[in-house]
C-alpha atoms as a PDB file:
ATOM      1  CA  MET A   1     -14.188  44.537  -1.831  1.00  0.00           C
ATOM      2  CA  SER A   2     -12.266  41.504  -3.011  1.00  0.00           C
ATOM      3  CA  SER A   3      -8.571  41.145  -2.258  1.00  0.00           C
ATOM      4  CA  SER A   4      -7.664  41.616  -5.946  1.00  0.00           C
ATOM      5  CA  ALA A   5      -9.782  44.767  -6.207  1.00  0.00           C
ATOM      6  CA  ALA A   6      -8.265  46.136  -2.989  1.00  0.00           C
ATOM      7  CA  ALA A   7      -4.754  45.453  -4.293  1.00  0.00           C
ATOM      8  CA  ARG A   8      -5.538  47.183  -7.579  1.00  0.00           C
ATOM      9  CA  ASP A   9      -6.988  50.196  -5.745  1.00  0.00           C
ATOM     10  CA  SER A  10      -3.892  50.411  -3.575  1.00  0.00           C
ATOM     11  CA  ILE A  11      -1.626  50.392  -6.628  1.00  0.00           C
ATOM     12  CA  LEU A  12      -3.649  53.085  -8.389  1.00  0.00           C
ATOM     13  CA  GLN A  13      -3.607  55.286  -5.289  1.00  0.00           C
ATOM     14  CA  ALA A  14       0.171  54.920  -5.073  1.00  0.00           C
ATOM     15  CA  ILE A  15       0.496  55.961  -8.713  1.00  0.00           C
ATOM     16  CA  ARG A  16      -1.730  58.992  -8.157  1.00  0.00           C
ATOM     17  CA  ARG A  17       0.320  60.060  -5.132  1.00  0.00           C
ATOM     18  CA  ALA A  18       3.544  59.679  -7.094  1.00  0.00           C
ATOM     19  CA  ARG A  19       2.149  61.768  -9.959  1.00  0.00           C
ATOM     20  CA  ALA A  20       0.793  64.529  -7.724  1.00  0.00           C
ATOM     21  CA  GLY A  21       2.479  67.761  -8.694  1.00  0.00           C
ATOM     22  CA  ALA A  22       4.270  66.221 -11.676  1.00  0.00           C
ATOM     23  CA  ASP A  23       4.495  68.224 -14.887  1.00  0.00           C
ATOM     24  CA  ALA A  24       1.865  67.367 -17.510  1.00  0.00           C
ATOM     25  CA  VAL A  25       4.634  67.099 -20.102  1.00  0.00           C
ATOM     26  CA  PRO A  26       7.911  65.518 -18.996  1.00  0.00           C
ATOM     27  CA  ASP A  27      11.215  67.245 -19.533  1.00  0.00           C
ATOM     28  CA  ALA A  28      12.730  66.742 -22.965  1.00  0.00           C
ATOM     29  CA  PRO A  29      15.399  64.041 -23.082  1.00  0.00           C
ATOM     30  CA  PRO A  30      18.966  65.158 -23.762  1.00  0.00           C
ATOM     31  CA  ALA A  31      19.821  65.533 -27.420  1.00  0.00           C
ATOM     32  CA  TYR A  32      21.662  62.610 -28.950  1.00  0.00           C
ATOM     33  CA  ARG A  33      24.748  63.017 -31.053  1.00  0.00           C
ATOM     34  CA  THR A  34      23.351  62.023 -34.422  1.00  0.00           C
ATOM     35  CA  PRO A  35      25.931  60.745 -36.930  1.00  0.00           C
ATOM     36  CA  ALA A  36      26.659  63.257 -39.666  1.00  0.00           C
ATOM     37  CA  ALA A  37      25.526  60.680 -42.250  1.00  0.00           C
ATOM     38  CA  LEU A  38      21.984  60.932 -40.875  1.00  0.00           C
ATOM     39  CA  LEU A  39      21.766  64.706 -40.982  1.00  0.00           C
ATOM     40  CA  GLY A  40      20.767  64.895 -44.642  1.00  0.00           C
ATOM     41  CA  GLY A  41      17.761  66.719 -45.963  1.00  0.00           C
ATOM     42  CA  ILE A  42      15.235  66.166 -48.701  1.00  0.00           C
ATOM     43  CA  GLU A  43      17.545  64.124 -50.922  1.00  0.00           C
ATOM     44  CA  GLN A  44      18.163  61.680 -48.096  1.00  0.00           C
ATOM     45  CA  PHE A  45      14.452  61.565 -47.303  1.00  0.00           C
ATOM     46  CA  CYS A  46      13.613  60.639 -50.906  1.00  0.00           C
ATOM     47  CA  ALA A  47      16.429  58.100 -51.106  1.00  0.00           C
ATOM     48  CA  TYR A  48      15.382  56.266 -47.946  1.00  0.00           C
ATOM     49  CA  ALA A  49      11.704  56.388 -48.935  1.00  0.00           C
ATOM     50  CA  GLY A  50      12.662  54.925 -52.302  1.00  0.00           C
ATOM     51  CA  GLU A  51      14.522  52.068 -50.648  1.00  0.00           C
ATOM     52  CA  GLU A  52      11.198  51.142 -49.016  1.00  0.00           C
ATOM     53  CA  ALA A  53       9.351  51.118 -52.364  1.00  0.00           C
ATOM     54  CA  ALA A  54       7.794  54.590 -52.044  1.00  0.00           C
ATOM     55  CA  THR A  55       7.982  57.000 -54.968  1.00  0.00           C
ATOM     56  CA  SER A  56       8.306  60.774 -54.815  1.00  0.00           C
ATOM     57  CA  GLU A  57       8.290  63.921 -56.893  1.00  0.00           C
ATOM     58  CA  HIS A  58       8.696  67.661 -56.374  1.00  0.00           C
ATOM     59  CA  VAL A  59       6.218  70.418 -57.183  1.00  0.00           C
ATOM     60  CA  GLY A  60       6.632  74.141 -56.783  1.00  0.00           C
ATOM     61  CA  ARG A  61       3.474  75.109 -54.894  1.00  0.00           C
ATOM     62  CA  MET A  62       0.500  73.593 -53.120  1.00  0.00           C
ATOM     63  CA  GLU A  63      -1.633  74.427 -56.166  1.00  0.00           C
ATOM     64  CA  ASP A  64       0.548  72.060 -58.211  1.00  0.00           C
ATOM     65  CA  VAL A  65      -0.554  69.043 -56.161  1.00  0.00           C
ATOM     66  CA  PRO A  66      -3.755  68.218 -58.127  1.00  0.00           C
ATOM     67  CA  PRO A  67      -1.961  68.018 -61.518  1.00  0.00           C
ATOM     68  CA  ALA A  68       0.718  65.866 -59.865  1.00  0.00           C
ATOM     69  CA  VAL A  69      -1.982  63.541 -58.521  1.00  0.00           C
ATOM     70  CA  LEU A  70      -3.481  63.285 -62.009  1.00  0.00           C
ATOM     71  CA  ARG A  71      -0.070  62.435 -63.503  1.00  0.00           C
ATOM     72  CA  TYR A  72       0.525  59.697 -60.961  1.00  0.00           C
ATOM     73  CA  VAL A  73      -2.953  58.172 -61.223  1.00  0.00           C
ATOM     74  CA  THR A  74      -2.774  58.196 -65.022  1.00  0.00           C
ATOM     75  CA  GLY A  75       0.735  56.775 -65.074  1.00  0.00           C
ATOM     76  CA  GLN A  76      -0.254  53.923 -62.767  1.00  0.00           C
ATOM     77  CA  GLY A  77      -3.411  53.149 -64.716  1.00  0.00           C
ATOM     78  CA  LEU A  78      -5.583  53.714 -61.644  1.00  0.00           C
ATOM     79  CA  ALA A  79      -9.252  54.640 -61.486  1.00  0.00           C
ATOM     80  CA  MET A  80     -10.033  58.344 -61.790  1.00  0.00           C
ATOM     81  CA  ARG A  81     -11.817  58.368 -58.393  1.00  0.00           C
ATOM     82  CA  VAL A  82      -9.691  60.048 -55.709  1.00  0.00           C
ATOM     83  CA  VAL A  83     -10.567  60.485 -52.053  1.00  0.00           C
ATOM     84  CA  VAL A  84      -9.127  63.747 -50.701  1.00  0.00           C
ATOM     85  CA  ALA A  85      -8.666  64.022 -46.931  1.00  0.00           C
ATOM     86  CA  ALA A  86      -9.751  67.116 -45.024  1.00  0.00           C
ATOM     87  CA  ASP A  87      -6.183  67.944 -43.969  1.00  0.00           C
ATOM     88  CA  LEU A  88      -5.234  68.820 -47.556  1.00  0.00           C
ATOM     89  CA  ASP A  89      -6.260  72.464 -47.734  1.00  0.00           C
ATOM     90  CA  LEU A  90      -7.213  72.846 -51.397  1.00  0.00           C
ATOM     91  CA  ASP A  91     -10.556  74.103 -52.661  1.00  0.00           C
ATOM     92  CA  ALA A  92     -12.599  72.716 -55.527  1.00  0.00           C
ATOM     93  CA  ALA A  93     -11.430  75.383 -57.979  1.00  0.00           C
ATOM     94  CA  VAL A  94      -7.835  74.181 -57.649  1.00  0.00           C
ATOM     95  CA  TRP A  95      -8.848  70.553 -58.162  1.00  0.00           C
ATOM     96  CA  ALA A  96     -10.601  71.596 -61.374  1.00  0.00           C
ATOM     97  CA  ALA A  97      -7.127  71.702 -62.944  1.00  0.00           C
ATOM     98  CA  ALA A  98      -6.931  67.929 -62.474  1.00  0.00           C
ATOM     99  CA  GLN A  99      -9.898  66.937 -64.603  1.00  0.00           C
ATOM    100  CA  PRO A 100     -11.065  64.246 -65.336  1.00  0.00           C
ATOM    101  CA  LEU A 101     -10.319  63.190 -61.756  1.00  0.00           C
ATOM    102  CA  GLN A 102     -13.460  62.579 -59.711  1.00  0.00           C
ATOM    103  CA  ILE A 103     -12.811  64.171 -56.314  1.00  0.00           C
ATOM    104  CA  THR A 104     -14.680  62.918 -53.264  1.00  0.00           C
ATOM    105  CA  GLY A 105     -14.371  63.303 -49.518  1.00  0.00           C
ATOM    106  CA  GLY A 106     -14.841  59.589 -48.901  1.00  0.00           C
ATOM    107  CA  PRO A 107     -15.451  57.214 -47.391  1.00  0.00           C
ATOM    108  CA  VAL A 108     -12.530  55.131 -48.576  1.00  0.00           C
ATOM    109  CA  GLU A 109     -13.524  51.889 -50.234  1.00  0.00           C
ATOM    110  CA  ARG A 110     -11.515  49.030 -48.794  1.00  0.00           C
ATOM    111  CA  ASP A 111      -8.475  48.104 -50.897  1.00  0.00           C
ATOM    112  CA  GLY A 112      -9.690  50.002 -53.922  1.00  0.00           C
ATOM    113  CA  ASP A 113      -9.405  53.766 -53.684  1.00  0.00           C
ATOM    114  CA  THR A 114      -6.632  56.285 -54.071  1.00  0.00           C
ATOM    115  CA  LEU A 115      -6.354  58.470 -50.961  1.00  0.00           C
ATOM    116  CA  VAL A 116      -4.682  61.892 -51.022  1.00  0.00           C
ATOM    117  CA  THR A 117      -3.691  63.392 -47.673  1.00  0.00           C
ATOM    118  CA  GLY A 118      -1.584  66.092 -46.172  1.00  0.00           C
ATOM    119  CA  CYS A 119       1.264  65.194 -43.836  1.00  0.00           C
ATOM    120  CA  TYR A 120       2.435  66.621 -40.518  1.00  0.00           C
ATOM    121  CA  ALA A 121       6.117  66.030 -41.241  1.00  0.00           C
ATOM    122  CA  GLY A 122       8.700  63.827 -42.863  1.00  0.00           C
ATOM    123  CA  VAL A 123      11.836  62.421 -41.224  1.00  0.00           C
ATOM    124  CA  ALA A 124      14.894  62.256 -43.476  1.00  0.00           C
ATOM    125  CA  GLU A 125      16.855  59.670 -41.496  1.00  0.00           C
ATOM    126  CA  ALA A 126      14.164  57.059 -42.185  1.00  0.00           C
ATOM    127  CA  GLY A 127      12.225  58.325 -45.201  1.00  0.00           C
ATOM    128  CA  ALA A 128       9.189  58.295 -42.909  1.00  0.00           C
ATOM    129  CA  LEU A 129       5.908  60.177 -43.205  1.00  0.00           C
ATOM    130  CA  ILE A 130       4.425  61.349 -39.906  1.00  0.00           C
ATOM    131  CA  MET A 131       0.643  61.285 -39.966  1.00  0.00           C
ATOM    132  CA  LEU A 132      -1.504  62.635 -37.124  1.00  0.00           C
ATOM    133  CA  SER A 133      -5.122  61.671 -36.580  1.00  0.00           C
ATOM    134  CA  SER A 134      -7.851  64.286 -36.280  1.00  0.00           C
ATOM    135  CA  SER A 135     -11.618  64.518 -36.376  1.00  0.00           C
ATOM    136  CA  GLY A 136     -11.442  65.404 -40.067  1.00  0.00           C
ATOM    137  CA  VAL A 137      -9.032  62.638 -41.066  1.00  0.00           C
ATOM    138  CA  PRO A 138     -10.024  59.242 -39.653  1.00  0.00           C
ATOM    139  CA  ASN A 139      -7.005  57.163 -38.810  1.00  0.00           C
ATOM    140  CA  GLU A 140      -8.310  54.044 -40.513  1.00  0.00           C
ATOM    141  CA  ALA A 141      -8.533  55.778 -43.903  1.00  0.00           C
ATOM    142  CA  LYS A 142      -4.753  55.596 -44.257  1.00  0.00           C
ATOM    143  CA  PHE A 143      -4.887  51.811 -44.054  1.00  0.00           C
ATOM    144  CA  LEU A 144      -7.909  51.051 -46.254  1.00  0.00           C
ATOM    145  CA  ALA A 145      -6.930  52.618 -49.576  1.00  0.00           C
ATOM    146  CA  ALA A 146      -4.906  50.689 -52.135  1.00  0.00           C
ATOM    147  CA  THR A 147      -2.891  53.801 -52.955  1.00  0.00           C
ATOM    148  CA  HIS A 148      -1.810  56.580 -50.603  1.00  0.00           C
ATOM    149  CA  ILE A 149      -0.566  59.878 -52.018  1.00  0.00           C
ATOM    150  CA  ALA A 150       0.826  62.193 -49.338  1.00  0.00           C
ATOM    151  CA  ALA A 151       1.674  65.862 -49.873  1.00  0.00           C
ATOM    152  CA  VAL A 152       4.359  67.261 -47.558  1.00  0.00           C
ATOM    153  CA  ARG A 153       6.018  70.661 -47.581  1.00  0.00           C
ATOM    154  CA  ALA A 154       9.797  70.660 -47.927  1.00  0.00           C
ATOM    155  CA  VAL A 155      10.111  72.827 -44.803  1.00  0.00           C
ATOM    156  CA  ASP A 156       8.361  70.081 -42.834  1.00  0.00           C
ATOM    157  CA  ILE A 157      10.936  67.416 -43.665  1.00  0.00           C
ATOM    158  CA  LEU A 158      13.062  67.134 -40.524  1.00  0.00           C
ATOM    159  CA  PRO A 159      16.525  65.558 -40.331  1.00  0.00           C
ATOM    160  CA  THR A 160      16.012  63.224 -37.358  1.00  0.00           C
ATOM    161  CA  PHE A 161      13.400  61.755 -35.033  1.00  0.00           C
ATOM    162  CA  GLU A 162      14.857  63.905 -32.224  1.00  0.00           C
ATOM    163  CA  ALA A 163      13.952  66.964 -34.298  1.00  0.00           C
ATOM    164  CA  LEU A 164      10.464  65.540 -34.751  1.00  0.00           C
ATOM    165  CA  TRP A 165       9.906  65.149 -31.001  1.00  0.00           C
ATOM    166  CA  THR A 166      11.155  68.693 -30.419  1.00  0.00           C
ATOM    167  CA  ARG A 167       8.650  70.026 -32.914  1.00  0.00           C
ATOM    168  CA  LEU A 168       5.806  67.946 -31.487  1.00  0.00           C
ATOM    169  CA  ARG A 169       6.492  69.261 -27.989  1.00  0.00           C
ATOM    170  CA  GLY A 170       6.311  72.803 -29.317  1.00  0.00           C
ATOM    171  CA  ASP A 171       3.147  72.289 -31.347  1.00  0.00           C
ATOM    172  CA  PHE A 172       1.224  70.259 -28.760  1.00  0.00           C
ATOM    173  CA  THR A 173       1.964  71.663 -25.329  1.00  0.00           C
ATOM    174  CA  ASP A 174      -1.372  70.576 -23.907  1.00  0.00           C
ATOM    175  CA  ARG A 175      -3.411  67.962 -25.763  1.00  0.00           C
ATOM    176  CA  TRP A 176      -1.662  65.666 -28.204  1.00  0.00           C
ATOM    177  CA  PRO A 177      -3.301  63.934 -31.181  1.00  0.00           C
ATOM    178  CA  ARG A 178      -4.993  60.668 -30.352  1.00  0.00           C
ATOM    179  CA  THR A 179      -2.720  58.665 -32.641  1.00  0.00           C
ATOM    180  CA  MET A 180       0.431  59.198 -34.670  1.00  0.00           C
ATOM    181  CA  ASN A 181       1.530  56.913 -37.501  1.00  0.00           C
ATOM    182  CA  TRP A 182       5.028  56.676 -38.918  1.00  0.00           C
ATOM    183  CA  ILE A 183       4.646  55.419 -42.474  1.00  0.00           C
ATOM    184  CA  VAL A 184       7.697  54.097 -44.295  1.00  0.00           C
ATOM    185  CA  GLY A 185       6.716  52.922 -47.759  1.00  0.00           C
ATOM    186  CA  PRO A 186       3.831  50.610 -48.681  1.00  0.00           C
ATOM    187  CA  SER A 187       2.654  47.939 -46.265  1.00  0.00           C
ATOM    188  CA  ARG A 188       4.153  44.476 -46.696  1.00  0.00           C
ATOM    189  CA  THR A 189       4.346  41.033 -45.197  1.00  0.00           C
ATOM    190  CA  ALA A 190       7.034  40.442 -42.608  1.00  0.00           C
ATOM    191  CA  ASP A 191       7.280  36.661 -42.558  1.00  0.00           C
ATOM    192  CA  LEU A 192      10.877  35.465 -42.315  1.00  0.00           C
ATOM    193  CA  GLY A 193      12.041  33.356 -45.205  1.00  0.00           C
ATOM    194  CA  VAL A 194       9.058  34.307 -47.373  1.00  0.00           C
ATOM    195  CA  PRO A 195       9.237  36.764 -50.296  1.00  0.00           C
ATOM    196  CA  SER A 196       7.880  40.148 -49.197  1.00  0.00           C
ATOM    197  CA  LYS A 197       4.464  41.052 -50.620  1.00  0.00           C
ATOM    198  CA  LEU A 198       3.384  44.690 -50.828  1.00  0.00           C
ATOM    199  CA  GLY A 199      -0.085  45.752 -49.756  1.00  0.00           C
ATOM    200  CA  ALA A 200      -0.445  43.068 -47.103  1.00  0.00           C
ATOM    201  CA  HIS A 201      -2.305  45.181 -44.544  1.00  0.00           C
ATOM    202  CA  GLY A 202      -2.527  48.645 -46.055  1.00  0.00           C
ATOM    203  CA  PRO A 203      -1.686  50.579 -49.225  1.00  0.00           C
ATOM    204  CA  ALA A 204       0.293  48.733 -51.888  1.00  0.00           C
ATOM    205  CA  ARG A 205       1.536  52.047 -53.302  1.00  0.00           C
ATOM    206  CA  VAL A 206       2.810  55.147 -51.479  1.00  0.00           C
ATOM    207  CA  HIS A 207       3.625  58.258 -53.486  1.00  0.00           C
ATOM    208  CA  ILE A 208       5.035  61.412 -51.886  1.00  0.00           C
ATOM    209  CA  ILE A 209       4.550  64.877 -53.378  1.00  0.00           C
ATOM    210  CA  ILE A 210       7.096  67.319 -51.924  1.00  0.00           C
ATOM    211  CA  ILE A 211       6.034  70.948 -52.087  1.00  0.00           C
ATOM    212  CA  ASP A 212       9.128  73.106 -52.427  1.00  0.00           C
ATOM    213  CA  ALA A 213       7.510  76.443 -51.585  1.00  0.00           C
END
């Protein structure tokens, strides 16, 4: 064994010894004192999302999502082809109310399609959408479509990121999702001194449908 390999093996063994008997999930960090200005709810979520060029609207029930998608697609002059992710639990009969939309399960055509997904949670203090990967919803789909429409229940919009981590620890005590994305508005360039351009490396439009019930 080479000296570098022996050194690496020694380091890994030390790490294993240090981790022996450690809890699989570390203790939760102490709660921070969040400023009262950041403890808003849905109104704050929509306001912060809007500041990042995302749009939003409210609907009463999950069944109202397809007509809302049709309104947005029509209003934006987009193609009637919509890719619906597996995490949006709506059957074909409900989507029939959104004719003449063509509903498909994918795949997402690069930089061309409109993608409709569910959403694990929203965070009001940042206007952020929290998206979790799964076998039914490939992670890359959220970054290939030109337009991303996300449906999130009002009860899943949390005030702070601390509240998000608390919920995640409760929902995933054993095996966590492979990836988690925090989406704040459309993608854009980040070059200093250069005008920001939307859709630089992901969707150019993000629309949020908030389900009140």
